[in-house]
């Protein structure tokens, strides 16, 4: 990922190490920094990070809505492996859903 790239965050669970499912896209943002760095979230968990300017979503995009979007069925199986590039049309549909109030 590079500065200016957009990112959507899919949350399979409500909380880290929880069993309660979330199964929704819960965040969207834009990469703002050039540096990749490590940050200790808690002892023993030090993931790599990029600086992201997160937008404030109006609503999450639940799995039942995602399944109706064109191109989702090709992307869904790849999500467990990390970052996946989306077709521009799919990204736009997801972002529009998140940032609108549904009216």
C-alpha atoms as a PDB file:
ATOM      1  CA  UNK A   1       0.000   0.000   0.000  1.00  0.00           C
ATOM      2  CA  UNK A   2       1.089   3.560  -0.733  1.00  0.00           C
ATOM      3  CA  UNK A   3       0.179   7.074   0.337  1.00  0.00           C
ATOM      4  CA  UNK A   4      -3.226   7.915  -1.150  1.00  0.00           C
ATOM      5  CA  UNK A   5      -4.472   4.321  -1.293  1.00  0.00           C
ATOM      6  CA  UNK A   6      -7.857   3.694   0.298  1.00  0.00           C
ATOM      7  CA  UNK A   7      -8.475   0.952   2.838  1.00  0.00           C
ATOM      8  CA  UNK A   8     -11.622  -0.756   4.099  1.00  0.00           C
ATOM      9  CA  UNK A   9     -11.469  -2.790   7.291  1.00  0.00           C
ATOM     10  CA  UNK A  10     -13.446  -6.028   7.559  1.00  0.00           C
ATOM     11  CA  UNK A  11     -14.114  -7.099  11.147  1.00  0.00           C
ATOM     12  CA  UNK A  12     -14.872 -10.811  11.484  1.00  0.00           C
ATOM     13  CA  UNK A  13     -15.352 -10.502  15.267  1.00  0.00           C
ATOM     14  CA  UNK A  14     -16.676  -7.861  17.685  1.00  0.00           C
ATOM     15  CA  UNK A  15     -13.388  -7.715  19.607  1.00  0.00           C
ATOM     16  CA  UNK A  16      -9.904  -9.134  19.267  1.00  0.00           C
ATOM     17  CA  UNK A  17      -9.864 -12.718  20.603  1.00  0.00           C
ATOM     18  CA  UNK A  18     -13.658 -12.679  20.954  1.00  0.00           C
ATOM     19  CA  UNK A  19     -15.967 -15.357  19.617  1.00  0.00           C
ATOM     20  CA  UNK A  20     -18.820 -12.903  19.026  1.00  0.00           C
ATOM     21  CA  UNK A  21     -19.139 -12.365  15.273  1.00  0.00           C
ATOM     22  CA  UNK A  22     -19.271  -8.935  13.687  1.00  0.00           C
ATOM     23  CA  UNK A  23     -18.888  -9.858   9.988  1.00  0.00           C
ATOM     24  CA  UNK A  24     -19.029  -6.322   8.624  1.00  0.00           C
ATOM     25  CA  UNK A  25     -16.865  -3.666   7.066  1.00  0.00           C
ATOM     26  CA  UNK A  26     -16.407  -1.310   9.993  1.00  0.00           C
ATOM     27  CA  UNK A  27     -13.852   1.304   8.904  1.00  0.00           C
ATOM     28  CA  UNK A  28     -12.618   3.144   5.844  1.00  0.00           C
ATOM     29  CA  UNK A  29      -9.672   5.467   5.389  1.00  0.00           C
ATOM     30  CA  UNK A  30      -6.763   6.706   3.300  1.00  0.00           C
ATOM     31  CA  UNK A  31      -3.062   5.895   3.732  1.00  0.00           C
ATOM     32  CA  UNK A  32      -1.325   9.151   4.714  1.00  0.00           C
ATOM     33  CA  UNK A  33       2.196   8.107   5.642  1.00  0.00           C
ATOM     34  CA  UNK A  34       5.101   6.542   3.805  1.00  0.00           C
ATOM     35  CA  UNK A  35       6.592   4.696   6.775  1.00  0.00           C
ATOM     36  CA  UNK A  36       5.831   1.123   7.805  1.00  0.00           C
ATOM     37  CA  UNK A  37       6.464   0.678  11.518  1.00  0.00           C
ATOM     38  CA  UNK A  38       5.723  -1.668  14.390  1.00  0.00           C
ATOM     39  CA  UNK A  39       3.493  -0.686  17.291  1.00  0.00           C
ATOM     40  CA  UNK A  40       2.909  -2.719  20.452  1.00  0.00           C
ATOM     41  CA  UNK A  41      -0.866  -3.059  20.874  1.00  0.00           C
ATOM     42  CA  UNK A  42      -0.368  -5.103  24.044  1.00  0.00           C
ATOM     43  CA  UNK A  43       2.466  -7.294  25.385  1.00  0.00           C
ATOM     44  CA  UNK A  44       3.478  -9.844  22.784  1.00  0.00           C
ATOM     45  CA  UNK A  45       1.380  -8.345  19.957  1.00  0.00           C
ATOM     46  CA  UNK A  46       3.460  -5.948  17.859  1.00  0.00           C
ATOM     47  CA  UNK A  47       1.923  -5.677  14.384  1.00  0.00           C
ATOM     48  CA  UNK A  48       3.172  -3.558  11.493  1.00  0.00           C
ATOM     49  CA  UNK A  49       1.287  -0.320  10.890  1.00  0.00           C
ATOM     50  CA  UNK A  50       0.826   2.482   8.371  1.00  0.00           C
ATOM     51  CA  UNK A  51      -0.562   5.928   9.151  1.00  0.00           C
ATOM     52  CA  UNK A  52      -4.209   6.051   8.061  1.00  0.00           C
ATOM     53  CA  UNK A  53      -6.636   8.965   8.071  1.00  0.00           C
ATOM     54  CA  UNK A  54      -9.840   7.206   9.092  1.00  0.00           C
ATOM     55  CA  UNK A  55     -13.184   8.535   7.904  1.00  0.00           C
ATOM     56  CA  UNK A  56     -16.150   8.527  10.245  1.00  0.00           C
ATOM     57  CA  UNK A  57     -18.609   5.966   8.882  1.00  0.00           C
ATOM     58  CA  UNK A  58     -22.309   6.544   9.327  1.00  0.00           C
ATOM     59  CA  UNK A  59     -22.944   2.807   9.408  1.00  0.00           C
ATOM     60  CA  UNK A  60     -21.188  -0.524   9.078  1.00  0.00           C
ATOM     61  CA  UNK A  61     -21.669  -2.694   5.999  1.00  0.00           C
ATOM     62  CA  UNK A  62     -22.928  -6.082   7.244  1.00  0.00           C
ATOM     63  CA  UNK A  63     -22.185  -9.333   5.476  1.00  0.00           C
ATOM     64  CA  UNK A  64     -25.761  -9.698   4.206  1.00  0.00           C
ATOM     65  CA  UNK A  65     -25.382  -6.374   2.339  1.00  0.00           C
ATOM     66  CA  UNK A  66     -21.867  -7.219   1.106  1.00  0.00           C
ATOM     67  CA  UNK A  67     -23.165 -10.454  -0.430  1.00  0.00           C
ATOM     68  CA  UNK A  68     -25.496  -8.445  -2.683  1.00  0.00           C
ATOM     69  CA  UNK A  69     -22.724  -6.337  -4.212  1.00  0.00           C
ATOM     70  CA  UNK A  70     -21.242  -7.263  -7.593  1.00  0.00           C
ATOM     71  CA  UNK A  71     -17.746  -8.683  -7.239  1.00  0.00           C
ATOM     72  CA  UNK A  72     -18.067  -9.572  -3.545  1.00  0.00           C
ATOM     73  CA  UNK A  73     -18.167 -13.336  -4.119  1.00  0.00           C
ATOM     74  CA  UNK A  74     -14.730 -13.190  -5.796  1.00  0.00           C
ATOM     75  CA  UNK A  75     -13.193 -11.126  -2.970  1.00  0.00           C
ATOM     76  CA  UNK A  76     -14.719 -12.793   0.104  1.00  0.00           C
ATOM     77  CA  UNK A  77     -12.571 -15.971   0.126  1.00  0.00           C
ATOM     78  CA  UNK A  78      -9.379 -13.881  -0.090  1.00  0.00           C
ATOM     79  CA  UNK A  79     -10.073 -11.716   2.982  1.00  0.00           C
ATOM     80  CA  UNK A  80      -8.543 -14.150   5.463  1.00  0.00           C
ATOM     81  CA  UNK A  81      -5.134 -13.686   3.825  1.00  0.00           C
ATOM     82  CA  UNK A  82      -4.772  -9.935   4.446  1.00  0.00           C
ATOM     83  CA  UNK A  83      -5.072  -6.949   2.142  1.00  0.00           C
ATOM     84  CA  UNK A  84      -7.017  -7.503  -1.068  1.00  0.00           C
ATOM     85  CA  UNK A  85      -7.369  -5.067  -3.944  1.00  0.00           C
ATOM     86  CA  UNK A  86     -11.011  -4.409  -4.823  1.00  0.00           C
ATOM     87  CA  UNK A  87     -12.523  -3.482  -8.137  1.00  0.00           C
ATOM     88  CA  UNK A  88     -13.190   0.280  -8.080  1.00  0.00           C
ATOM     89  CA  UNK A  89     -16.935  -0.315  -8.463  1.00  0.00           C
ATOM     90  CA  UNK A  90     -17.061  -2.595  -5.428  1.00  0.00           C
ATOM     91  CA  UNK A  91     -14.996  -0.211  -3.307  1.00  0.00           C
ATOM     92  CA  UNK A  92     -17.220   2.715  -4.291  1.00  0.00           C
ATOM     93  CA  UNK A  93     -20.423   0.790  -3.473  1.00  0.00           C
ATOM     94  CA  UNK A  94     -19.095  -0.175  -0.032  1.00  0.00           C
ATOM     95  CA  UNK A  95     -17.830   3.324   0.758  1.00  0.00           C
ATOM     96  CA  UNK A  96     -21.088   4.953  -0.373  1.00  0.00           C
ATOM     97  CA  UNK A  97     -23.086   2.582   1.848  1.00  0.00           C
ATOM     98  CA  UNK A  98     -20.857   3.349   4.851  1.00  0.00           C
ATOM     99  CA  UNK A  99     -20.974   7.108   4.428  1.00  0.00           C
ATOM    100  CA  UNK A 100     -24.706   7.457   3.713  1.00  0.00           C
ATOM    101  CA  UNK A 101     -27.555   7.320   6.196  1.00  0.00           C
ATOM    102  CA  UNK A 102     -29.639   5.022   3.988  1.00  0.00           C
ATOM    103  CA  UNK A 103     -32.322   7.519   3.103  1.00  0.00           C
END
